Amino acid sequence: MTSLRTETVAVRRETRPAAPRNRARRWTAVAFLAPLIVYLLVFYAYPLYRNIELSVHDYTPRAFVQGDPEFTGLENYRDILADGTFLRALRSTAVFTLASIAAQYAIGLALAVFFHRHFRLAATLRAMFLVPWLLPLIVSASTWSWMLNSENGIVNAALQAFGIGQINWLTSPDTSLLAVTIANVWLGVPFNLVILYAGLQNIPAELYEAAGLDGAGAWQRFRRITLPLLRPVSLITLLLGLIYTLKVVDIIWIMTRGGPADASTTLAIWSYREAFGTGQPDFSPAAAVGNLLILIAFVAGLAHVRLQRREEAG
C-alpha cells in the first residue's frame, strides 16, 4: 500500500510540469509567428484596407489634407466600368500579360533545357542571361526606348539593312503595345530561366537514361518526362509571371506613357496615370482600378491552388 501511494505521488510530480511546458511551447510558437503576423498586417492587410477605403470615398488633395472625404460607395467602380478607357485598358492588359508570360515561359524553358546539357562556358553564358534581371528598370526601359526609336534606333537600322522600311515602334497605335511587350519579355526571361533550370535539376537523370535505352528520342523525352515532371514548377512560374506582369508600370510609362491614343494603356498604367500622371490627382478611381487588378491576381491564385490540389489528389 505504501509503495502504491509513493508511486502515485511520483506520477503526480512528473505530470505537474506538463501544463507549464505546454504553455511555454505555445508562447514560443507565438513569439516565432509574431514577426510574420506583424509583417502581414503592416505591409499587406493595412495597405489593402486603405486601398479599399480610398476606392469607396472621393479622395481629392483637399480631402487628404482635411481628412473629410465624401463617402461614395461603389460609385467609383461604376464610373471606371462605364469609362471608355476601361475596355481598351482591359484588352491591352490581357494581350500584354498573356503574350508576355507565354513568350517568357517558352524562351525561358528553351534556355533552361539548353543549359541543362553540361558544356564548357555553360555557367558563364547562364550568368550573362541574368543581366536584364539585374539592371535597374529605368535603365532597361530607356535602353529599349533608344533601340526602338523611329529615327535613329538600332532596331530600325538593322531592319533597313534587310530592305524593311521605318517602323514607328513607340509612336504608332499599331505597334506601341508590341514594343513594350518585347521589352517586358526581355526582362522576364531570366526569372523563368532560373526557376525552370532549378526545376530541371530535380528530375533524376536515370529517367532520361532509361528512356534513351528504350529508344525514346529527344522530343519524346521532353514531352514524356520533362514537361510532366516540371509541371508544378511551371505552374508557380506562370502564376508569379502573371502577378508581376499585371502590375507592370515603369517599363510602359517610360517607353510610351500608355500612348499613343491609349494603345498601350493597361489597367496598371491607367491606375498610375489617374493618381500621379495628370497633375490633377484623382486617387479614388485609381484605387478602384488597382483593386480590380488585385481581384484578378487573387482569382489566378485561387485557380493555381485548385489545380495544385487536384494534382495532389490525383
Protein backbone atom coordinates (compact mmCIF):
# COMPACT_ATOMS: atom_id res chain seq x y z
CA MET A 1 0.00 0.00 0.00
CA THR A 2 2.80 2.36 0.92
CA SER A 3 4.64 1.64 -2.34
CA LEU A 4 1.46 2.28 -4.35
CA ARG A 5 0.98 5.62 -2.63
CA THR A 6 4.62 6.51 -3.30
CA GLU A 7 4.24 5.66 -7.00
CA THR A 8 1.09 7.80 -7.22
CA VAL A 9 2.86 10.80 -5.69
CA ALA A 10 5.79 10.30 -8.08
CA VAL A 11 3.45 10.20 -11.08
CA ARG A 12 1.75 13.39 -9.92
CA ARG A 13 5.09 15.12 -9.54
CA GLU A 14 6.06 14.05 -13.06
CA THR A 15 2.80 15.26 -14.62
CA ARG A 16 2.59 18.60 -12.86
CA PRO A 17 5.13 20.44 -15.06
CA ALA A 18 3.31 19.33 -18.25
CA ALA A 19 0.92 22.31 -18.28
CA PRO A 20 3.66 24.94 -17.81
CA ARG A 21 5.72 23.22 -20.50
CA ASN A 22 2.80 23.29 -22.95
CA ARG A 23 2.15 26.93 -22.11
CA ALA A 24 5.80 27.75 -22.71
CA ARG A 25 5.71 25.98 -26.06
CA ARG A 26 2.62 27.94 -27.09
CA TRP A 27 4.25 31.23 -26.18
CA THR A 28 7.39 30.19 -28.06
CA ALA A 29 5.29 29.44 -31.13
CA VAL A 30 3.54 32.81 -30.80
CA ALA A 31 6.91 34.55 -30.48
CA PHE A 32 8.10 32.97 -33.72
CA LEU A 33 4.85 33.80 -35.53
CA ALA A 34 4.56 37.36 -34.23
CA PRO A 35 7.07 38.96 -36.68
CA LEU A 36 5.35 37.30 -39.63
CA ILE A 37 1.89 38.36 -38.42
CA VAL A 38 3.06 41.93 -37.85
CA TYR A 39 4.67 41.97 -41.31
CA LEU A 40 1.48 40.71 -42.99
CA LEU A 41 -0.70 43.18 -41.11
CA VAL A 42 1.53 46.20 -41.77
CA PHE A 43 2.56 45.54 -45.36
CA TYR A 44 -0.45 43.60 -46.72
CA ALA A 45 -3.61 43.91 -44.66
CA TYR A 46 -3.36 47.63 -43.88
CA PRO A 47 -2.45 48.76 -47.44
CA LEU A 48 -5.30 46.62 -48.80
CA TYR A 49 -7.70 48.16 -46.30
CA ARG A 50 -6.50 51.65 -47.23
CA ASN A 51 -6.89 50.92 -50.93
CA ILE A 52 -10.46 49.74 -50.42
CA GLU A 53 -11.16 52.75 -48.21
CA LEU A 54 -9.78 55.05 -50.90
CA SER A 55 -11.97 53.47 -53.57
CA VAL A 56 -15.24 54.00 -51.69
CA HIS A 57 -14.60 57.68 -50.89
CA ASP A 58 -13.99 60.73 -53.01
CA TYR A 59 -10.39 61.49 -52.11
CA THR A 60 -9.00 64.71 -53.53
CA PRO A 61 -5.82 66.51 -52.45
CA ARG A 62 -8.01 68.78 -50.28
CA ALA A 63 -9.72 65.77 -48.70
CA PHE A 64 -6.32 64.24 -47.93
CA VAL A 65 -5.25 67.39 -46.12
CA GLN A 66 -8.51 68.00 -44.26
CA GLY A 67 -9.35 64.32 -43.70
CA ASP A 68 -13.03 64.64 -44.66
CA PRO A 69 -13.55 62.67 -47.90
CA GLU A 70 -17.11 62.12 -49.06
CA PHE A 71 -18.35 58.52 -48.93
CA THR A 72 -19.38 57.42 -52.44
CA GLY A 73 -19.84 53.66 -52.07
CA LEU A 74 -19.42 51.83 -55.35
CA GLU A 75 -19.73 54.94 -57.49
CA ASN A 76 -16.03 54.94 -58.39
CA TYR A 77 -16.31 51.34 -59.61
CA ARG A 78 -19.36 52.20 -61.71
CA ASP A 79 -17.52 55.16 -63.19
CA ILE A 80 -14.45 53.20 -64.26
CA LEU A 81 -16.55 50.37 -65.71
CA ALA A 82 -18.56 52.90 -67.75
CA ASP A 83 -15.44 54.79 -68.86
CA GLY A 84 -14.44 54.21 -72.47
CA THR A 85 -10.84 53.66 -71.36
CA PHE A 86 -11.80 50.57 -69.36
CA LEU A 87 -12.37 48.16 -72.25
CA ARG A 88 -9.27 49.38 -74.09
CA ALA A 89 -7.16 49.03 -70.95
CA LEU A 90 -8.63 45.60 -70.20
CA ARG A 91 -7.87 44.40 -73.72
CA SER A 92 -4.33 45.80 -73.62
CA THR A 93 -3.79 44.22 -70.19
CA ALA A 94 -4.92 40.81 -71.47
CA VAL A 95 -2.77 40.99 -74.62
CA PHE A 96 0.27 42.36 -72.81
CA THR A 97 0.03 39.87 -69.92
CA LEU A 98 -0.72 36.71 -71.89
CA ALA A 99 1.81 37.46 -74.62
CA SER A 100 4.50 38.34 -72.07
CA ILE A 101 4.14 35.29 -69.84
CA ALA A 102 3.77 32.90 -72.79
CA ALA A 103 6.91 34.21 -74.51
CA GLN A 104 8.87 34.46 -71.26
CA TYR A 105 7.98 30.89 -70.32
CA ALA A 106 8.70 29.45 -73.77
CA ILE A 107 12.06 31.19 -74.13
CA GLY A 108 12.99 30.52 -70.51
CA LEU A 109 12.15 26.83 -70.84
CA ALA A 110 14.11 26.51 -74.08
CA LEU A 111 17.15 28.14 -72.47
CA ALA A 112 16.79 26.03 -69.31
CA VAL A 113 16.75 22.82 -71.37
CA PHE A 114 19.71 24.08 -73.39
CA PHE A 115 21.80 24.89 -70.32
CA HIS A 116 20.74 21.63 -68.65
CA ARG A 117 23.18 19.93 -71.01
CA HIS A 118 26.53 20.48 -69.36
CA PHE A 119 29.14 22.01 -71.63
CA ARG A 120 32.04 24.42 -71.37
CA LEU A 121 31.09 28.04 -70.61
CA ALA A 122 27.54 26.98 -69.70
CA ALA A 123 27.76 28.71 -66.31
CA THR A 124 29.23 31.86 -67.87
CA LEU A 125 26.55 32.10 -70.54
CA ARG A 126 23.83 31.40 -67.98
CA ALA A 127 25.14 34.24 -65.82
CA MET A 128 25.10 36.58 -68.82
CA PHE A 129 21.42 35.90 -69.37
CA LEU A 130 20.76 37.25 -65.87
CA VAL A 131 21.97 40.74 -66.81
CA PRO A 132 18.49 42.04 -67.82
CA TRP A 133 17.20 40.93 -64.43
CA LEU A 134 19.94 42.80 -62.59
CA LEU A 135 19.67 46.14 -64.41
CA PRO A 136 17.52 48.92 -62.92
CA LEU A 137 14.20 49.07 -64.73
CA ILE A 138 14.65 52.70 -65.69
CA VAL A 139 17.92 51.77 -67.43
CA SER A 140 16.29 48.87 -69.29
CA ALA A 141 13.29 50.95 -70.36
CA SER A 142 15.47 53.85 -71.51
CA THR A 143 17.68 51.46 -73.48
CA TRP A 144 14.72 49.92 -75.24
CA SER A 145 13.28 53.38 -75.96
CA TRP A 146 16.54 54.28 -77.70
CA MET A 147 16.76 50.96 -79.57
CA LEU A 148 13.18 51.29 -80.84
CA ASN A 149 13.42 54.98 -81.69
CA SER A 150 11.86 55.62 -85.10
CA GLU A 151 14.57 57.96 -86.38
CA ASN A 152 17.89 56.63 -85.05
CA GLY A 153 17.06 53.39 -83.25
CA ILE A 154 19.31 50.40 -83.78
CA VAL A 155 16.34 48.10 -84.47
CA ASN A 156 15.12 50.16 -87.43
CA ALA A 157 18.69 50.48 -88.68
CA ALA A 158 19.04 46.69 -88.66
CA LEU A 159 15.68 46.24 -90.41
CA GLN A 160 16.58 48.78 -93.08
CA ALA A 161 19.69 46.73 -93.86
CA PHE A 162 17.25 43.98 -94.97
CA GLY A 163 15.14 46.38 -97.02
CA ILE A 164 12.40 46.88 -94.40
CA GLY A 165 11.14 50.46 -94.09
CA GLN A 166 10.92 52.57 -90.98
CA ILE A 167 8.61 51.30 -88.23
CA ASN A 168 7.24 53.74 -85.68
CA TRP A 169 7.53 51.35 -82.77
CA LEU A 170 6.66 53.75 -79.96
CA THR A 171 4.58 56.38 -81.75
CA SER A 172 2.15 54.23 -83.71
CA PRO A 173 -1.02 52.78 -82.12
CA ASP A 174 -0.44 49.62 -84.14
CA THR A 175 2.99 48.79 -82.71
CA SER A 176 3.35 50.52 -79.32
CA LEU A 177 1.85 47.62 -77.36
CA LEU A 178 4.07 45.17 -79.24
CA ALA A 179 7.12 47.30 -78.43
CA VAL A 180 6.52 47.37 -74.66
CA THR A 181 5.68 43.65 -74.73
CA ILE A 182 9.03 42.84 -76.37
CA ALA A 183 10.84 44.87 -73.71
CA ASN A 184 8.91 43.15 -70.91
CA VAL A 185 9.64 39.70 -72.36
CA TRP A 186 13.35 40.52 -72.41
CA LEU A 187 13.15 41.49 -68.74
CA GLY A 188 11.21 38.40 -67.65
CA VAL A 189 13.15 35.65 -69.43
CA PRO A 190 15.96 35.48 -66.81
CA PHE A 191 13.47 34.81 -64.00
CA ASN A 192 11.86 31.98 -65.94
CA LEU A 193 15.29 30.60 -66.85
CA VAL A 194 16.43 30.48 -63.20
CA ILE A 195 13.27 28.85 -61.84
CA LEU A 196 12.86 26.31 -64.64
CA TYR A 197 16.55 25.43 -64.64
CA ALA A 198 16.32 24.74 -60.90
CA GLY A 199 13.29 22.54 -61.57
CA LEU A 200 15.19 20.56 -64.19
CA GLN A 201 17.93 19.82 -61.66
CA ASN A 202 15.39 17.87 -59.57
CA ILE A 203 14.48 15.48 -62.40
CA PRO A 204 16.52 12.26 -61.98
CA ALA A 205 18.96 11.68 -64.83
CA GLU A 206 18.17 7.94 -64.64
CA LEU A 207 14.77 8.61 -66.21
CA TYR A 208 16.36 10.11 -69.32
CA GLU A 209 18.88 7.27 -69.49
CA ALA A 210 16.14 4.63 -69.23
CA ALA A 211 14.06 6.39 -71.88
CA GLY A 212 17.10 6.58 -74.17
CA LEU A 213 17.68 2.85 -73.77
CA ASP A 214 14.06 2.25 -74.72
CA GLY A 215 14.60 4.18 -77.94
CA ALA A 216 12.92 7.46 -77.00
CA GLY A 217 14.13 10.46 -78.96
CA ALA A 218 14.86 13.95 -77.62
CA TRP A 219 11.33 15.22 -78.33
CA GLN A 220 9.73 12.17 -76.72
CA ARG A 221 11.90 12.54 -73.60
CA PHE A 222 10.99 16.20 -73.41
CA ARG A 223 7.26 15.55 -73.85
CA ARG A 224 7.01 12.43 -71.68
CA ILE A 225 9.49 13.24 -68.90
CA THR A 226 10.50 16.90 -68.77
CA LEU A 227 7.11 18.59 -69.19
CA PRO A 228 5.10 16.35 -66.79
CA LEU A 229 7.72 16.43 -64.03
CA LEU A 230 8.26 20.15 -64.50
CA ARG A 231 4.55 20.94 -64.27
CA PRO A 232 4.45 22.05 -60.57
CA VAL A 233 7.40 24.40 -61.15
CA SER A 234 5.83 25.63 -64.39
CA LEU A 235 2.54 26.46 -62.67
CA ILE A 236 4.15 28.56 -59.96
CA THR A 237 6.40 30.24 -62.54
CA LEU A 238 3.40 31.20 -64.68
CA LEU A 239 1.47 32.40 -61.63
CA LEU A 240 4.32 34.63 -60.45
CA GLY A 241 4.80 35.88 -64.00
CA LEU A 242 1.10 36.73 -64.23
CA ILE A 243 1.12 38.65 -60.94
CA TYR A 244 4.29 40.54 -61.88
CA THR A 245 3.08 41.41 -65.40
CA LEU A 246 -0.32 42.64 -64.22
CA LYS A 247 1.36 45.34 -62.15
CA VAL A 248 3.99 46.46 -64.67
CA VAL A 249 4.06 50.26 -64.80
CA ASP A 250 7.63 51.54 -65.13
CA ILE A 251 8.52 49.91 -68.46
CA ILE A 252 5.35 51.08 -70.22
CA TRP A 253 5.34 54.51 -68.62
CA ILE A 254 8.92 55.29 -69.56
CA MET A 255 8.59 53.96 -73.12
CA THR A 256 5.13 55.16 -74.21
CA ARG A 257 3.25 56.60 -71.19
CA GLY A 258 0.37 54.39 -72.26
CA GLY A 259 0.05 56.02 -75.68
CA PRO A 260 -0.41 56.86 -78.35
CA ALA A 261 -4.20 57.16 -78.07
CA ASP A 262 -4.20 54.73 -75.10
CA ALA A 263 -2.91 51.96 -77.37
CA SER A 264 -0.55 50.67 -74.69
CA THR A 265 -2.59 51.69 -71.65
CA THR A 266 -3.03 48.75 -69.30
CA LEU A 267 -5.06 48.75 -66.09
CA ALA A 268 -1.89 49.38 -64.07
CA ILE A 269 -0.93 52.33 -66.28
CA TRP A 270 -4.46 53.71 -66.09
CA SER A 271 -4.40 53.49 -62.30
CA TYR A 272 -0.99 55.20 -62.09
CA ARG A 273 -1.99 57.91 -64.54
CA GLU A 274 -5.18 58.72 -62.62
CA ALA A 275 -3.24 59.05 -59.36
CA PHE A 276 0.03 60.68 -60.41
CA GLY A 277 0.29 61.17 -64.15
CA THR A 278 -2.03 64.07 -64.96
CA GLY A 279 -1.02 66.78 -62.49
CA GLN A 280 -4.54 66.61 -61.04
CA PRO A 281 -4.50 63.55 -58.75
CA ASP A 282 -7.69 61.50 -58.66
CA PHE A 283 -6.84 58.88 -56.08
CA SER A 284 -10.21 57.18 -55.64
CA PRO A 285 -10.71 55.95 -59.24
CA ALA A 286 -7.03 54.95 -59.27
CA ALA A 287 -7.59 52.84 -56.15
CA ALA A 288 -10.68 51.25 -57.70
CA VAL A 289 -8.70 50.23 -60.79
CA GLY A 290 -5.95 48.89 -58.53
CA ASN A 291 -8.47 46.79 -56.64
CA LEU A 292 -9.62 45.23 -59.91
CA LEU A 293 -6.02 44.17 -60.54
CA ILE A 294 -5.83 42.71 -57.03
CA LEU A 295 -9.04 40.78 -57.72
CA ILE A 296 -7.65 39.36 -60.98
CA ALA A 297 -4.44 38.27 -59.24
CA PHE A 298 -6.47 36.75 -56.38
CA VAL A 299 -8.60 34.71 -58.80
CA ALA A 300 -5.44 33.50 -60.55
CA GLY A 301 -4.01 32.46 -57.18
CA LEU A 302 -7.16 30.52 -56.31
CA ALA A 303 -7.04 28.78 -59.68
CA HIS A 304 -3.44 27.77 -59.03
CA VAL A 305 -4.30 26.37 -55.58
CA ARG A 306 -7.19 24.41 -57.06
CA LEU A 307 -5.03 22.93 -59.80
CA GLN A 308 -2.37 22.02 -57.27
CA ARG A 309 -4.87 20.27 -55.01
CA ARG A 310 -6.31 18.40 -57.98
CA GLU A 311 -2.85 17.15 -58.92
CA GLU A 312 -2.12 16.08 -55.35
CA ALA A 313 -5.47 14.28 -55.12
CA GLY A 314 -4.90 12.58 -58.48
